[in-house]
Amino acid sequence: MKNRWLKQSHFLGVWWGNLHLTAQQSNTFIQMFILAFSGTAAYGVITEKYTLPFWLFTLVVVAALCVLASFVWKLSMPSTFISWNQQWWSHDNPLKKEVEAIRKELAEIRKVLDEKKSS
């Protein structure tokens, strides 16, 4: 038996989902600005103790970002898509009814074709 407290709800509706998606998409640009400002501050702090050319600092930061982006591309995004697909299918996706109707039609067509083959 499923726990009723773990059951998901449509209470907040589309407006909350739209707000959430917009915030997620804007965060990419906000994080770029934060990274630029933080990187500048970090370079200032690091060069107080160590002599480090700016190009080397930039190269290390870009390499680290490439490693993180590779991780996201290879491992994280597929998991996210799997989760989205599962959520969309489980929670009244409009296409679900259409796909089920197509499956019924295909089953009927297969049945007719099998009857023609056997006769």
N, C-alpha and C. Protein backbone atom coordinates (compact mmCIF):
# COMPACT_ATOMS: atom_id res chain seq x y z
N MET A 1 0.84 -1.19 0.00
CA MET A 1 0.00 0.00 0.00
C MET A 1 0.88 1.25 0.00
N LYS A 2 0.53 2.21 -0.86
CA LYS A 2 1.31 3.43 -0.95
C LYS A 2 0.99 4.35 0.23
N ASN A 3 2.02 5.02 0.69
CA ASN A 3 1.85 5.98 1.76
C ASN A 3 1.21 7.25 1.18
N ARG A 4 0.09 7.68 1.74
CA ARG A 4 -0.60 8.85 1.19
C ARG A 4 0.21 10.13 1.35
N TRP A 5 1.14 10.17 2.29
CA TRP A 5 1.97 11.36 2.48
C TRP A 5 3.04 11.47 1.41
N LEU A 6 3.38 10.36 0.75
CA LEU A 6 4.38 10.39 -0.30
C LEU A 6 3.76 10.65 -1.67
N LYS A 7 2.44 10.60 -1.75
CA LYS A 7 1.76 10.84 -3.02
C LYS A 7 1.95 12.29 -3.44
N GLN A 8 2.24 12.50 -4.72
CA GLN A 8 2.46 13.85 -5.21
C GLN A 8 1.14 14.53 -5.52
N SER A 9 1.18 15.86 -5.51
CA SER A 9 -0.05 16.64 -5.65
C SER A 9 0.07 17.64 -6.79
N HIS A 10 -1.07 17.98 -7.38
CA HIS A 10 -1.15 19.00 -8.42
C HIS A 10 -1.69 20.31 -7.82
N PHE A 11 -1.64 20.44 -6.51
CA PHE A 11 -2.25 21.55 -5.80
C PHE A 11 -1.74 22.91 -6.27
N LEU A 12 -0.42 23.05 -6.47
CA LEU A 12 0.13 24.36 -6.82
C LEU A 12 -0.17 24.75 -8.27
N GLY A 13 -0.36 23.80 -9.13
CA GLY A 13 -0.77 24.10 -10.50
C GLY A 13 0.36 24.56 -11.41
N VAL A 14 -0.05 25.01 -12.59
CA VAL A 14 0.89 25.36 -13.65
C VAL A 14 1.70 26.61 -13.31
N TRP A 15 1.11 27.58 -12.64
CA TRP A 15 1.82 28.83 -12.36
C TRP A 15 3.10 28.57 -11.57
N TRP A 16 3.04 27.64 -10.61
CA TRP A 16 4.23 27.34 -9.81
C TRP A 16 5.29 26.65 -10.68
N GLY A 17 4.84 25.74 -11.52
CA GLY A 17 5.78 25.07 -12.42
C GLY A 17 6.44 26.04 -13.38
N ASN A 18 5.66 27.00 -13.91
CA ASN A 18 6.22 28.01 -14.80
C ASN A 18 7.25 28.87 -14.08
N LEU A 19 6.94 29.27 -12.87
CA LEU A 19 7.87 30.07 -12.07
C LEU A 19 9.15 29.28 -11.80
N HIS A 20 8.99 28.02 -11.44
CA HIS A 20 10.14 27.17 -11.14
C HIS A 20 11.03 26.97 -12.37
N LEU A 21 10.43 26.69 -13.52
CA LEU A 21 11.20 26.50 -14.74
C LEU A 21 11.91 27.78 -15.17
N THR A 22 11.23 28.92 -15.04
CA THR A 22 11.85 30.20 -15.39
C THR A 22 13.04 30.49 -14.48
N ALA A 23 12.89 30.23 -13.20
CA ALA A 23 14.00 30.44 -12.26
C ALA A 23 15.17 29.53 -12.60
N GLN A 24 14.89 28.28 -12.93
CA GLN A 24 15.96 27.35 -13.29
C GLN A 24 16.71 27.82 -14.52
N GLN A 25 15.98 28.24 -15.53
CA GLN A 25 16.63 28.67 -16.77
C GLN A 25 17.41 29.97 -16.58
N SER A 26 16.91 30.88 -15.74
CA SER A 26 17.64 32.13 -15.49
C SER A 26 18.89 31.89 -14.66
N ASN A 27 18.86 30.86 -13.83
CA ASN A 27 20.02 30.59 -12.97
C ASN A 27 21.30 30.35 -13.75
N THR A 28 21.20 29.85 -14.96
CA THR A 28 22.40 29.63 -15.77
C THR A 28 23.13 30.95 -15.99
N PHE A 29 22.40 31.99 -16.35
CA PHE A 29 23.02 33.28 -16.61
C PHE A 29 23.48 33.95 -15.32
N ILE A 30 22.68 33.82 -14.29
CA ILE A 30 23.06 34.38 -12.99
C ILE A 30 24.35 33.74 -12.50
N GLN A 31 24.47 32.43 -12.65
CA GLN A 31 25.68 31.73 -12.21
C GLN A 31 26.90 32.15 -13.02
N MET A 32 26.71 32.46 -14.31
CA MET A 32 27.84 32.94 -15.11
C MET A 32 28.37 34.26 -14.54
N PHE A 33 27.48 35.17 -14.19
CA PHE A 33 27.91 36.44 -13.60
C PHE A 33 28.59 36.22 -12.25
N ILE A 34 28.01 35.36 -11.43
CA ILE A 34 28.61 35.06 -10.13
C ILE A 34 29.99 34.46 -10.31
N LEU A 35 30.14 33.55 -11.26
CA LEU A 35 31.44 32.94 -11.52
C LEU A 35 32.46 33.98 -11.94
N ALA A 36 32.06 34.90 -12.80
CA ALA A 36 32.98 35.94 -13.25
C ALA A 36 33.44 36.82 -12.09
N PHE A 37 32.50 37.26 -11.26
CA PHE A 37 32.87 38.10 -10.13
C PHE A 37 33.67 37.33 -9.08
N SER A 38 33.26 36.11 -8.79
CA SER A 38 33.98 35.29 -7.81
C SER A 38 35.37 34.95 -8.30
N GLY A 39 35.48 34.66 -9.60
CA GLY A 39 36.80 34.35 -10.17
C GLY A 39 37.74 35.52 -10.05
N THR A 40 37.24 36.72 -10.30
CA THR A 40 38.09 37.91 -10.17
C THR A 40 38.54 38.08 -8.73
N ALA A 41 37.62 37.90 -7.79
CA ALA A 41 37.97 38.01 -6.37
C ALA A 41 38.95 36.91 -5.95
N ALA A 42 38.71 35.70 -6.43
CA ALA A 42 39.59 34.58 -6.07
C ALA A 42 41.00 34.81 -6.62
N TYR A 43 41.11 35.33 -7.81
CA TYR A 43 42.42 35.59 -8.38
C TYR A 43 43.17 36.62 -7.54
N GLY A 44 42.46 37.64 -7.09
CA GLY A 44 43.08 38.65 -6.22
C GLY A 44 43.59 38.05 -4.92
N VAL A 45 42.82 37.16 -4.32
CA VAL A 45 43.22 36.53 -3.06
C VAL A 45 44.41 35.60 -3.28
N ILE A 46 44.36 34.81 -4.34
CA ILE A 46 45.43 33.83 -4.61
C ILE A 46 46.75 34.53 -4.90
N THR A 47 46.71 35.62 -5.65
CA THR A 47 47.96 36.29 -6.03
C THR A 47 48.59 37.05 -4.89
N GLU A 48 47.88 37.22 -3.77
CA GLU A 48 48.51 37.83 -2.60
C GLU A 48 49.58 36.90 -2.01
N LYS A 49 49.34 35.58 -2.06
CA LYS A 49 50.30 34.61 -1.50
C LYS A 49 51.20 34.00 -2.56
N TYR A 50 50.66 33.77 -3.73
CA TYR A 50 51.39 33.05 -4.78
C TYR A 50 51.50 33.91 -6.03
N THR A 51 52.60 33.73 -6.72
CA THR A 51 52.74 34.40 -8.01
C THR A 51 52.15 33.47 -9.06
N LEU A 52 51.02 33.88 -9.60
CA LEU A 52 50.30 33.04 -10.55
C LEU A 52 49.82 33.92 -11.70
N PRO A 53 50.26 33.61 -12.92
CA PRO A 53 49.78 34.42 -14.05
C PRO A 53 48.26 34.25 -14.24
N PHE A 54 47.64 35.30 -14.69
CA PHE A 54 46.19 35.27 -14.87
C PHE A 54 45.78 34.21 -15.88
N TRP A 55 46.55 34.02 -16.94
CA TRP A 55 46.21 33.04 -17.96
C TRP A 55 46.18 31.63 -17.37
N LEU A 56 47.10 31.33 -16.43
CA LEU A 56 47.14 30.00 -15.81
C LEU A 56 45.92 29.80 -14.89
N PHE A 57 45.59 30.84 -14.14
CA PHE A 57 44.41 30.78 -13.29
C PHE A 57 43.16 30.54 -14.14
N THR A 58 43.04 31.28 -15.24
CA THR A 58 41.90 31.14 -16.13
C THR A 58 41.85 29.73 -16.73
N LEU A 59 43.01 29.21 -17.11
CA LEU A 59 43.08 27.87 -17.69
C LEU A 59 42.59 26.81 -16.70
N VAL A 60 42.99 26.94 -15.43
CA VAL A 60 42.56 25.99 -14.40
C VAL A 60 41.05 26.07 -14.19
N VAL A 61 40.52 27.27 -14.14
CA VAL A 61 39.07 27.45 -13.95
C VAL A 61 38.30 26.88 -15.14
N VAL A 62 38.75 27.16 -16.36
CA VAL A 62 38.07 26.65 -17.55
C VAL A 62 38.15 25.12 -17.60
N ALA A 63 39.30 24.55 -17.24
CA ALA A 63 39.45 23.09 -17.23
C ALA A 63 38.49 22.47 -16.21
N ALA A 64 38.39 23.08 -15.03
CA ALA A 64 37.47 22.56 -14.01
C ALA A 64 36.02 22.63 -14.50
N LEU A 65 35.67 23.72 -15.17
CA LEU A 65 34.31 23.85 -15.70
C LEU A 65 34.04 22.82 -16.80
N CYS A 66 35.05 22.54 -17.62
CA CYS A 66 34.88 21.52 -18.67
C CYS A 66 34.66 20.14 -18.07
N VAL A 67 35.38 19.83 -17.00
CA VAL A 67 35.19 18.54 -16.32
C VAL A 67 33.78 18.46 -15.75
N LEU A 68 33.33 19.52 -15.11
CA LEU A 68 31.97 19.53 -14.56
C LEU A 68 30.92 19.43 -15.66
N ALA A 69 31.12 20.16 -16.76
CA ALA A 69 30.16 20.11 -17.86
C ALA A 69 30.13 18.71 -18.47
N SER A 70 31.26 18.05 -18.56
CA SER A 70 31.31 16.68 -19.08
C SER A 70 30.52 15.73 -18.19
N PHE A 71 30.68 15.90 -16.88
CA PHE A 71 29.92 15.07 -15.93
C PHE A 71 28.42 15.26 -16.12
N VAL A 72 28.01 16.53 -16.24
CA VAL A 72 26.59 16.82 -16.42
C VAL A 72 26.07 16.22 -17.72
N TRP A 73 26.84 16.39 -18.81
CA TRP A 73 26.42 15.90 -20.12
C TRP A 73 26.32 14.39 -20.15
N LYS A 74 27.31 13.72 -19.59
CA LYS A 74 27.40 12.26 -19.70
C LYS A 74 26.51 11.54 -18.68
N LEU A 75 26.43 12.03 -17.46
CA LEU A 75 25.74 11.29 -16.39
C LEU A 75 24.48 11.97 -15.87
N SER A 76 24.54 13.26 -15.63
CA SER A 76 23.44 13.93 -14.95
C SER A 76 22.22 14.15 -15.86
N MET A 77 22.44 14.64 -17.08
CA MET A 77 21.30 14.92 -17.96
C MET A 77 20.46 13.69 -18.29
N PRO A 78 21.07 12.54 -18.61
CA PRO A 78 20.23 11.37 -18.87
C PRO A 78 19.36 10.99 -17.67
N SER A 79 19.91 11.11 -16.46
CA SER A 79 19.12 10.80 -15.26
C SER A 79 17.97 11.79 -15.11
N THR A 80 18.24 13.05 -15.41
CA THR A 80 17.19 14.06 -15.32
C THR A 80 16.07 13.77 -16.31
N PHE A 81 16.43 13.41 -17.55
CA PHE A 81 15.41 13.11 -18.55
C PHE A 81 14.60 11.88 -18.16
N ILE A 82 15.25 10.87 -17.60
CA ILE A 82 14.53 9.69 -17.14
C ILE A 82 13.51 10.09 -16.07
N SER A 83 13.95 10.93 -15.15
CA SER A 83 13.06 11.38 -14.08
C SER A 83 11.89 12.18 -14.64
N TRP A 84 12.17 13.12 -15.57
CA TRP A 84 11.09 13.90 -16.18
C TRP A 84 10.10 12.99 -16.88
N ASN A 85 10.60 12.06 -17.67
CA ASN A 85 9.71 11.15 -18.39
C ASN A 85 8.82 10.38 -17.43
N GLN A 86 9.40 9.89 -16.35
CA GLN A 86 8.62 9.13 -15.37
C GLN A 86 7.56 10.02 -14.73
N GLN A 87 7.94 11.24 -14.38
CA GLN A 87 6.99 12.16 -13.76
C GLN A 87 5.87 12.55 -14.73
N TRP A 88 6.25 12.86 -15.97
CA TRP A 88 5.23 13.27 -16.94
C TRP A 88 4.27 12.12 -17.23
N TRP A 89 4.77 10.92 -17.28
CA TRP A 89 3.91 9.78 -17.58
C TRP A 89 3.00 9.45 -16.40
N SER A 90 3.51 9.62 -15.19
CA SER A 90 2.74 9.25 -14.00
C SER A 90 1.69 10.28 -13.62
N HIS A 91 1.83 11.50 -14.09
CA HIS A 91 0.96 12.58 -13.59
C HIS A 91 0.17 13.24 -14.71
N ASP A 92 -0.72 12.46 -15.29
CA ASP A 92 -1.71 12.98 -16.24
C ASP A 92 -1.12 13.68 -17.46
N ASN A 93 -0.11 13.08 -18.05
CA ASN A 93 0.42 13.60 -19.30
C ASN A 93 -0.66 13.46 -20.37
N PRO A 94 -0.98 14.54 -21.09
CA PRO A 94 -2.05 14.45 -22.11
C PRO A 94 -1.73 13.41 -23.20
N LEU A 95 -0.48 13.17 -23.47
CA LEU A 95 -0.13 12.21 -24.51
C LEU A 95 -0.38 10.77 -24.08
N LYS A 96 -0.47 10.53 -22.79
CA LYS A 96 -0.65 9.17 -22.29
C LYS A 96 -1.93 8.54 -22.85
N LYS A 97 -3.02 9.30 -22.85
CA LYS A 97 -4.29 8.78 -23.37
C LYS A 97 -4.18 8.48 -24.86
N GLU A 98 -3.50 9.37 -25.59
CA GLU A 98 -3.34 9.16 -27.03
C GLU A 98 -2.48 7.92 -27.31
N VAL A 99 -1.41 7.75 -26.56
CA VAL A 99 -0.54 6.59 -26.75
C VAL A 99 -1.30 5.30 -26.43
N GLU A 100 -2.09 5.32 -25.37
CA GLU A 100 -2.87 4.13 -25.03
C GLU A 100 -3.92 3.82 -26.11
N ALA A 101 -4.51 4.85 -26.69
CA ALA A 101 -5.47 4.64 -27.78
C ALA A 101 -4.76 4.05 -29.01
N ILE A 102 -3.58 4.56 -29.31
CA ILE A 102 -2.81 4.02 -30.45
C ILE A 102 -2.43 2.57 -30.18
N ARG A 103 -2.06 2.26 -28.96
CA ARG A 103 -1.72 0.86 -28.62
C ARG A 103 -2.92 -0.06 -28.84
N LYS A 104 -4.11 0.39 -28.45
CA LYS A 104 -5.31 -0.42 -28.66
C LYS A 104 -5.58 -0.62 -30.14
N GLU A 105 -5.43 0.44 -30.92
CA GLU A 105 -5.62 0.31 -32.37
C GLU A 105 -4.61 -0.65 -32.99
N LEU A 106 -3.36 -0.55 -32.56
CA LEU A 106 -2.33 -1.47 -33.07
C LEU A 106 -2.63 -2.91 -32.68
N ALA A 107 -3.12 -3.11 -31.48
CA ALA A 107 -3.47 -4.46 -31.05
C ALA A 107 -4.59 -5.02 -31.93
N GLU A 108 -5.57 -4.18 -32.24
CA GLU A 108 -6.66 -4.62 -33.12
C GLU A 108 -6.15 -4.92 -34.53
N ILE A 109 -5.27 -4.07 -35.05
CA ILE A 109 -4.70 -4.31 -36.38
C ILE A 109 -3.89 -5.60 -36.39
N ARG A 110 -3.09 -5.83 -35.36
CA ARG A 110 -2.32 -7.07 -35.27
C ARG A 110 -3.23 -8.29 -35.22
N LYS A 111 -4.33 -8.15 -34.49
CA LYS A 111 -5.28 -9.25 -34.38
C LYS A 111 -5.87 -9.58 -35.75
N VAL A 112 -6.25 -8.55 -36.50
CA VAL A 112 -6.81 -8.74 -37.84
C VAL A 112 -5.77 -9.36 -38.76
N LEU A 113 -4.53 -8.86 -38.70
CA LEU A 113 -3.47 -9.41 -39.54
C LEU A 113 -3.16 -10.86 -39.20
N ASP A 114 -3.16 -11.19 -37.91
CA ASP A 114 -2.92 -12.58 -37.49
C ASP A 114 -4.04 -13.50 -37.99
N GLU A 115 -5.29 -13.00 -37.97
CA GLU A 115 -6.42 -13.79 -38.46
C GLU A 115 -6.29 -14.02 -39.97
N LYS A 116 -5.84 -13.00 -40.69
CA LYS A 116 -5.65 -13.15 -42.14
C LYS A 116 -4.52 -14.13 -42.45
N LYS A 117 -3.45 -14.11 -41.65
CA LYS A 117 -2.33 -15.01 -41.84
C LYS A 117 -2.73 -16.46 -41.60
N SER A 118 -3.50 -16.66 -40.56
CA SER A 118 -3.88 -18.02 -40.20
C SER A 118 -4.92 -18.62 -41.17
N SER A 119 -5.66 -17.77 -41.85
CA SER A 119 -6.68 -18.31 -42.77
C SER A 119 -6.17 -18.47 -44.18
